[in-house]
Amino acid sequence: QVQLVESGGGLVQPGGSLRLSCAASGFTSDDYAIAWFRQAPGKEREGVSFIARSADNSAYYTDSVKGRFTISRDSAKNTVYLQMDSLKSEDTAVYYCAAASLSFDLFVTVFKERRYRYLEVWGQGTLVTVSS
């Protein structure tokens, strides 16, 4: 069964850190670009970051998280991580990971233009709450 499972969400104070995990099963995540999206209450889903297929492994970040979030891949564990530091209240959202067999440049387009129909697999989401 092809699936992605997120974990690592929780409650954290502003300025704190969390590491989210996206574990793939039923397929080799190295062959896919893997992205993190988030959706806050009452808002549209937005792209946070993605990492290209392992042959490239380039990373892309939306402006609001640059310098605070880091995406990485562990091929042996078939898992992609999102390290989130210096968290802010506006980072509160449900975080989803998703996969697509697209090149880096095409994925940038998908990301920026919110063409989410091109994402082939989605996880169920994990809640991140940043609050004091």
C-alpha atoms as a PDB file:
ATOM      1  CA  GLN A   1       0.000   0.000   0.000  1.00  0.00           C
ATOM      2  CA  VAL A   2       1.416   3.347  -1.064  1.00  0.00           C
ATOM      3  CA  GLN A   3       1.254   5.832   1.784  1.00  0.00           C
ATOM      4  CA  LEU A   4       2.929   8.653   3.686  1.00  0.00           C
ATOM      5  CA  VAL A   5       2.650   8.939   7.456  1.00  0.00           C
ATOM      6  CA  GLU A   6       3.524  12.147   9.284  1.00  0.00           C
ATOM      7  CA  SER A   7       4.552  12.347  12.923  1.00  0.00           C
ATOM      8  CA  GLY A   8       6.241  14.738  15.323  1.00  0.00           C
ATOM      9  CA  GLY A   9       3.620  17.417  15.726  1.00  0.00           C
ATOM     10  CA  GLY A  10       2.660  18.849  19.084  1.00  0.00           C
ATOM     11  CA  LEU A  11       2.473  21.901  21.292  1.00  0.00           C
ATOM     12  CA  VAL A  12       5.551  24.117  21.506  1.00  0.00           C
ATOM     13  CA  GLN A  13       6.232  27.591  22.850  1.00  0.00           C
ATOM     14  CA  PRO A  14       7.194  30.459  20.541  1.00  0.00           C
ATOM     15  CA  GLY A  15      10.892  30.270  19.774  1.00  0.00           C
ATOM     16  CA  GLY A  16      10.925  26.515  20.251  1.00  0.00           C
ATOM     17  CA  SER A  17      11.665  23.669  17.843  1.00  0.00           C
ATOM     18  CA  LEU A  18       9.984  20.578  16.464  1.00  0.00           C
ATOM     19  CA  ARG A  19      11.042  17.956  13.957  1.00  0.00           C
ATOM     20  CA  LEU A  20       8.378  16.471  11.734  1.00  0.00           C
ATOM     21  CA  SER A  21       8.830  13.108  10.024  1.00  0.00           C
ATOM     22  CA  CYS A  22       7.240  11.842   6.831  1.00  0.00           C
ATOM     23  CA  ALA A  23       7.662   8.087   6.477  1.00  0.00           C
ATOM     24  CA  ALA A  24       6.979   6.528   3.083  1.00  0.00           C
ATOM     25  CA  SER A  25       5.844   2.967   2.504  1.00  0.00           C
ATOM     26  CA  GLY A  26       4.937   1.035  -0.607  1.00  0.00           C
ATOM     27  CA  PHE A  27       7.283   3.101  -2.747  1.00  0.00           C
ATOM     28  CA  THR A  28      10.835   4.435  -2.746  1.00  0.00           C
ATOM     29  CA  SER A  29      10.740   8.052  -1.648  1.00  0.00           C
ATOM     30  CA  ASP A  30      14.128   8.717  -3.271  1.00  0.00           C
ATOM     31  CA  ASP A  31      12.377   8.582  -6.647  1.00  0.00           C
ATOM     32  CA  TYR A  32      10.003  11.392  -5.686  1.00  0.00           C
ATOM     33  CA  ALA A  33      10.143  15.005  -4.694  1.00  0.00           C
ATOM     34  CA  ILE A  34       8.675  15.204  -1.197  1.00  0.00           C
ATOM     35  CA  ALA A  35       6.988  18.347   0.065  1.00  0.00           C
ATOM     36  CA  TRP A  36       5.570  19.743   3.249  1.00  0.00           C
ATOM     37  CA  PHE A  37       2.367  21.760   3.169  1.00  0.00           C
ATOM     38  CA  ARG A  38       0.389  23.333   5.986  1.00  0.00           C
ATOM     39  CA  GLN A  39      -3.140  24.514   6.518  1.00  0.00           C
ATOM     40  CA  ALA A  40      -4.137  26.851   9.315  1.00  0.00           C
ATOM     41  CA  PRO A  41      -7.762  27.175  10.447  1.00  0.00           C
ATOM     42  CA  GLY A  42      -9.757  29.208   7.946  1.00  0.00           C
ATOM     43  CA  LYS A  43      -6.878  29.467   5.506  1.00  0.00           C
ATOM     44  CA  GLU A  44      -5.894  27.783   2.260  1.00  0.00           C
ATOM     45  CA  ARG A  45      -3.307  25.037   2.198  1.00  0.00           C
ATOM     46  CA  GLU A  46       0.129  26.454   1.422  1.00  0.00           C
ATOM     47  CA  GLY A  47       3.470  24.975   0.481  1.00  0.00           C
ATOM     48  CA  VAL A  48       6.207  25.162   3.107  1.00  0.00           C
ATOM     49  CA  SER A  49       9.176  23.320   1.639  1.00  0.00           C
ATOM     50  CA  PHE A  50      10.126  20.504  -0.679  1.00  0.00           C
ATOM     51  CA  ILE A  51      13.168  18.394  -1.418  1.00  0.00           C
ATOM     52  CA  ALA A  52      13.918  17.182  -4.927  1.00  0.00           C
ATOM     53  CA  ARG A  53      14.402  13.561  -5.931  1.00  0.00           C
ATOM     54  CA  SER A  54      17.518  12.063  -4.350  1.00  0.00           C
ATOM     55  CA  ALA A  55      19.534  12.334  -7.566  1.00  0.00           C
ATOM     56  CA  ASP A  56      19.367  16.093  -6.997  1.00  0.00           C
ATOM     57  CA  ASN A  57      18.221  16.651  -3.366  1.00  0.00           C
ATOM     58  CA  SER A  58      17.918  20.410  -3.843  1.00  0.00           C
ATOM     59  CA  ALA A  59      15.642  22.095  -1.323  1.00  0.00           C
ATOM     60  CA  TYR A  60      13.085  24.862  -1.714  1.00  0.00           C
ATOM     61  CA  TYR A  61      11.497  26.959   1.020  1.00  0.00           C
ATOM     62  CA  THR A  62       8.691  29.430   1.032  1.00  0.00           C
ATOM     63  CA  ASP A  63       9.860  32.890   2.118  1.00  0.00           C
ATOM     64  CA  SER A  64       8.153  32.821   5.511  1.00  0.00           C
ATOM     65  CA  VAL A  65      10.211  29.838   6.726  1.00  0.00           C
ATOM     66  CA  LYS A  66      13.594  30.492   5.103  1.00  0.00           C
ATOM     67  CA  GLY A  67      16.373  30.404   7.683  1.00  0.00           C
ATOM     68  CA  ARG A  68      14.120  28.717  10.262  1.00  0.00           C
ATOM     69  CA  PHE A  69      13.090  25.401   8.679  1.00  0.00           C
ATOM     70  CA  THR A  70      15.329  22.712   7.188  1.00  0.00           C
ATOM     71  CA  ILE A  71      14.155  19.797   5.062  1.00  0.00           C
ATOM     72  CA  SER A  72      16.232  16.635   4.768  1.00  0.00           C
ATOM     73  CA  ARG A  73      15.998  13.075   3.561  1.00  0.00           C
ATOM     74  CA  ASP A  74      17.140   9.756   5.095  1.00  0.00           C
ATOM     75  CA  SER A  75      17.101   7.268   2.241  1.00  0.00           C
ATOM     76  CA  ALA A  76      17.835   4.291   4.491  1.00  0.00           C
ATOM     77  CA  LYS A  77      14.686   5.030   6.489  1.00  0.00           C
ATOM     78  CA  ASN A  78      12.629   6.094   3.463  1.00  0.00           C
ATOM     79  CA  THR A  79      11.794   9.210   5.453  1.00  0.00           C
ATOM     80  CA  VAL A  80      11.854  12.968   4.947  1.00  0.00           C
ATOM     81  CA  TYR A  81      12.183  15.357   7.868  1.00  0.00           C
ATOM     82  CA  LEU A  82      11.250  18.970   8.480  1.00  0.00           C
ATOM     83  CA  GLN A  83      13.279  20.580  11.252  1.00  0.00           C
ATOM     84  CA  MET A  84      11.430  23.653  12.465  1.00  0.00           C
ATOM     85  CA  ASP A  85      13.298  26.158  14.623  1.00  0.00           C
ATOM     86  CA  SER A  86      12.410  29.604  15.977  1.00  0.00           C
ATOM     87  CA  LEU A  87       8.754  28.727  15.720  1.00  0.00           C
ATOM     88  CA  LYS A  88       6.170  31.486  15.660  1.00  0.00           C
ATOM     89  CA  SER A  89       2.478  31.501  16.464  1.00  0.00           C
ATOM     90  CA  GLU A  90       1.743  31.932  12.763  1.00  0.00           C
ATOM     91  CA  ASP A  91       3.354  28.532  12.121  1.00  0.00           C
ATOM     92  CA  THR A  92       0.389  26.903  13.855  1.00  0.00           C
ATOM     93  CA  ALA A  93      -1.294  24.577  11.364  1.00  0.00           C
ATOM     94  CA  VAL A  94      -1.856  21.006  10.326  1.00  0.00           C
ATOM     95  CA  TYR A  95       1.250  19.931   8.408  1.00  0.00           C
ATOM     96  CA  TYR A  96       0.981  17.461   5.543  1.00  0.00           C
ATOM     97  CA  CYS A  97       3.614  15.777   3.447  1.00  0.00           C
ATOM     98  CA  ALA A  98       3.056  14.807  -0.155  1.00  0.00           C
ATOM     99  CA  ALA A  99       4.981  13.230  -3.013  1.00  0.00           C
ATOM    100  CA  ALA A 100       5.223  13.805  -6.742  1.00  0.00           C
ATOM    101  CA  SER A 101       7.552  12.406  -9.398  1.00  0.00           C
ATOM    102  CA  LEU A 102       8.374  15.834 -10.794  1.00  0.00           C
ATOM    103  CA  SER A 103      11.593  17.655 -11.554  1.00  0.00           C
ATOM    104  CA  PHE A 104      12.702  20.467  -9.272  1.00  0.00           C
ATOM    105  CA  ASP A 105      11.639  23.210 -11.683  1.00  0.00           C
ATOM    106  CA  LEU A 106       8.185  21.697 -12.298  1.00  0.00           C
ATOM    107  CA  PHE A 107       7.681  21.252  -8.571  1.00  0.00           C
ATOM    108  CA  VAL A 108       8.455  24.934  -7.999  1.00  0.00           C
ATOM    109  CA  THR A 109       5.612  25.750 -10.396  1.00  0.00           C
ATOM    110  CA  VAL A 110       3.273  23.321  -8.636  1.00  0.00           C
ATOM    111  CA  PHE A 111       4.254  24.861  -5.325  1.00  0.00           C
ATOM    112  CA  LYS A 112       3.868  28.499  -6.284  1.00  0.00           C
ATOM    113  CA  GLU A 113       0.681  28.077  -8.348  1.00  0.00           C
ATOM    114  CA  ARG A 114      -0.907  25.629  -5.861  1.00  0.00           C
ATOM    115  CA  ARG A 115      -1.492  22.979  -8.521  1.00  0.00           C
ATOM    116  CA  TYR A 116      -2.028  20.343  -5.873  1.00  0.00           C
ATOM    117  CA  ARG A 117      -3.673  17.886  -8.271  1.00  0.00           C
ATOM    118  CA  TYR A 118      -0.126  16.945  -9.389  1.00  0.00           C
ATOM    119  CA  LEU A 119       0.686  15.584  -5.921  1.00  0.00           C
ATOM    120  CA  GLU A 120       0.358  11.819  -6.162  1.00  0.00           C
ATOM    121  CA  VAL A 121       0.376  10.760  -2.510  1.00  0.00           C
ATOM    122  CA  TRP A 122      -0.673  12.670   0.632  1.00  0.00           C
ATOM    123  CA  GLY A 123      -0.268  11.943   4.302  1.00  0.00           C
ATOM    124  CA  GLN A 124      -3.004  12.395   6.886  1.00  0.00           C
ATOM    125  CA  GLY A 125      -1.412  15.401   8.582  1.00  0.00           C
ATOM    126  CA  THR A 126       0.063  16.237  11.976  1.00  0.00           C
ATOM    127  CA  LEU A 127      -0.958  19.212  14.107  1.00  0.00           C
ATOM    128  CA  VAL A 128       1.611  21.806  15.162  1.00  0.00           C
ATOM    129  CA  THR A 129       0.506  24.357  17.743  1.00  0.00           C
ATOM    130  CA  VAL A 130       2.823  27.218  18.693  1.00  0.00           C
ATOM    131  CA  SER A 131       1.527  28.937  21.794  1.00  0.00           C
ATOM    132  CA  SER A 132       2.652  30.123  25.182  1.00  0.00           C
END
